[in-house]
Amino acid sequence: MSLLFAVGHQYQDALRQPAPRCPSDRVTRAIDAIRAEPQRPYTVAALAEIADVGLRCLRQEFHRQVGMPPMAYLREVRLARAHSELVDADPDQTSVADVAGRWGFARPGWFATRYRRHYGLDPAETLRGTRHHR
């Protein structure tokens, strides 16, 4: 990339101009889609298509609106939904692995680590009814 700025060419002025601002209302469409159906197998490209913006625009506006990349936001929403399900679930009828899998977490160990980091307790404790959440 630095070569593009160091060498003279016909696009040099265009490269030095700031990127145009991404329409925030369009990116809100992708955010709303994630909130409405977090279980869907979204990709960044699919979210950009939903928002009708380019990938760069989508990433920039996600950082501005929610402080993280689109896929990180999707994981956070899914983690919150998994947490809600664990709180409400009957431990005799479901397992942490079942809940994690339903919310797109294919690796239960990774899910448990992320869950502990976010909620301060093991997902199995939540499922069993330990309600000391932050």
Protein backbone atom coordinates (compact mmCIF):
# COMPACT_ATOMS: atom_id res chain seq x y z
CA MET A 1 0.00 0.00 0.00
CA SER A 2 2.79 2.45 0.80
CA LEU A 3 4.10 1.99 -2.74
CA LEU A 4 0.83 3.43 -4.05
CA PHE A 5 1.50 6.60 -2.08
CA ALA A 6 5.23 6.80 -2.85
CA VAL A 7 5.10 6.47 -6.63
CA GLY A 8 3.49 9.12 -8.81
CA HIS A 9 0.48 8.00 -10.86
CA GLN A 10 -2.85 9.29 -12.13
CA TYR A 11 -4.81 8.08 -9.06
CA GLN A 12 -2.52 9.60 -6.42
CA ASP A 13 -4.85 12.51 -5.59
CA ALA A 14 -7.86 10.20 -5.26
CA LEU A 15 -5.94 7.93 -2.86
CA ARG A 16 -5.08 10.84 -0.57
CA GLN A 17 -8.68 11.96 -0.18
CA PRO A 18 -10.61 10.55 2.79
CA ALA A 19 -12.99 7.74 2.02
CA PRO A 20 -16.59 8.90 1.60
CA ARG A 21 -18.77 8.50 4.65
CA CYS A 22 -20.81 5.33 4.70
CA PRO A 23 -24.60 5.80 4.98
CA SER A 24 -25.29 4.79 8.58
CA ASP A 25 -28.95 4.04 7.93
CA ARG A 26 -27.98 1.36 5.43
CA VAL A 27 -25.58 -0.31 7.82
CA THR A 28 -28.34 -0.26 10.41
CA ARG A 29 -30.12 -2.72 8.11
CA ALA A 30 -27.33 -5.25 8.68
CA ILE A 31 -27.36 -4.62 12.43
CA ASP A 32 -31.13 -5.10 12.50
CA ALA A 33 -30.82 -8.31 10.47
CA ILE A 34 -28.30 -9.71 12.96
CA ARG A 35 -30.54 -8.82 15.89
CA ALA A 36 -33.61 -10.31 14.20
CA GLU A 37 -32.00 -13.58 13.08
CA PRO A 38 -28.60 -14.13 14.72
CA GLN A 39 -28.80 -17.86 14.06
CA ARG A 40 -28.48 -17.31 10.28
CA PRO A 41 -25.10 -18.22 8.77
CA TYR A 42 -24.10 -14.65 7.87
CA THR A 43 -20.88 -13.70 6.13
CA VAL A 44 -19.46 -10.21 5.90
CA ALA A 45 -20.34 -10.20 2.20
CA ALA A 46 -23.95 -11.18 2.95
CA LEU A 47 -24.23 -8.39 5.55
CA ALA A 48 -22.80 -5.89 3.07
CA GLU A 49 -25.38 -7.02 0.55
CA ILE A 50 -28.19 -6.61 3.09
CA ALA A 51 -26.93 -3.09 3.81
CA ASP A 52 -26.36 -2.39 0.11
CA VAL A 53 -22.85 -1.08 0.79
CA GLY A 54 -19.30 -2.23 0.09
CA LEU A 55 -17.27 -4.33 2.52
CA ARG A 56 -15.00 -1.45 3.52
CA CYS A 57 -17.96 0.81 4.19
CA LEU A 58 -19.68 -1.90 6.23
CA ARG A 59 -16.60 -2.49 8.39
CA GLN A 60 -16.00 1.22 8.98
CA GLU A 61 -19.59 1.95 9.93
CA PHE A 62 -19.83 -1.11 12.19
CA HIS A 63 -16.78 0.17 14.06
CA ARG A 64 -18.38 3.60 14.35
CA GLN A 65 -21.82 2.37 15.44
CA VAL A 66 -21.07 -0.66 17.61
CA GLY A 67 -17.30 -0.48 18.19
CA MET A 68 -16.39 -3.78 16.58
CA PRO A 69 -16.28 -5.61 13.24
CA PRO A 70 -19.49 -7.16 11.89
CA MET A 71 -18.60 -10.77 12.68
CA ALA A 72 -17.51 -9.89 16.22
CA TYR A 73 -20.85 -8.15 16.72
CA LEU A 74 -22.65 -11.24 15.40
CA ARG A 75 -20.75 -13.41 17.91
CA GLU A 76 -21.67 -11.03 20.75
CA VAL A 77 -25.36 -11.15 19.83
CA ARG A 78 -25.24 -14.93 19.57
CA LEU A 79 -23.47 -15.17 22.92
CA ALA A 80 -26.21 -13.06 24.54
CA ARG A 81 -28.92 -15.25 23.00
CA ALA A 82 -27.14 -18.41 24.18
CA HIS A 83 -26.92 -16.90 27.65
CA SER A 84 -30.66 -16.17 27.69
CA GLU A 85 -31.40 -19.70 26.57
CA LEU A 86 -29.14 -21.18 29.28
CA VAL A 87 -30.85 -19.06 31.94
CA ASP A 88 -34.29 -20.31 30.86
CA ALA A 89 -33.42 -23.91 29.96
CA ASP A 90 -34.19 -27.03 31.96
CA PRO A 91 -30.80 -28.65 32.73
CA ASP A 92 -32.44 -32.08 32.51
CA GLN A 93 -33.63 -31.40 28.96
CA THR A 94 -30.68 -29.62 27.36
CA SER A 95 -26.91 -29.28 27.50
CA VAL A 96 -24.43 -26.45 27.09
CA ALA A 97 -23.18 -28.09 23.88
CA ASP A 98 -26.74 -28.15 22.49
CA VAL A 99 -27.25 -24.47 23.21
CA ALA A 100 -23.82 -23.51 21.88
CA GLY A 101 -24.45 -25.44 18.68
CA ARG A 102 -27.85 -23.83 18.12
CA TRP A 103 -26.23 -20.40 18.27
CA GLY A 104 -23.44 -21.23 15.84
CA PHE A 105 -20.64 -22.05 18.26
CA ALA A 106 -19.20 -25.24 16.74
CA ARG A 107 -16.44 -25.57 19.36
CA PRO A 108 -17.93 -25.93 22.87
CA GLY A 109 -14.57 -25.22 24.53
CA TRP A 110 -14.20 -21.92 22.71
CA PHE A 111 -17.79 -21.06 23.58
CA ALA A 112 -17.22 -21.83 27.28
CA THR A 113 -14.06 -19.71 27.36
CA ARG A 114 -15.77 -16.77 25.68
CA TYR A 115 -18.83 -17.18 27.91
CA ARG A 116 -16.73 -17.20 31.12
CA ARG A 117 -14.85 -14.12 29.97
CA HIS A 118 -18.09 -12.26 29.28
CA TYR A 119 -20.38 -13.45 32.10
CA GLY A 120 -17.88 -14.34 34.80
CA LEU A 121 -19.09 -17.92 35.25
CA ASP A 122 -19.15 -21.19 33.41
CA PRO A 123 -22.11 -21.76 31.05
CA ALA A 124 -22.89 -24.99 32.91
CA GLU A 125 -23.33 -22.95 36.11
CA THR A 126 -25.85 -20.76 34.31
CA LEU A 127 -27.68 -23.82 33.04
CA ARG A 128 -27.82 -25.30 36.56
CA GLY A 129 -29.31 -22.08 37.89
CA THR A 130 -26.36 -20.24 39.41
CA ARG A 131 -27.54 -16.69 38.77
CA HIS A 132 -24.52 -14.59 39.74
CA HIS A 133 -24.29 -12.74 36.42
CA ARG A 134 -22.57 -9.44 35.88
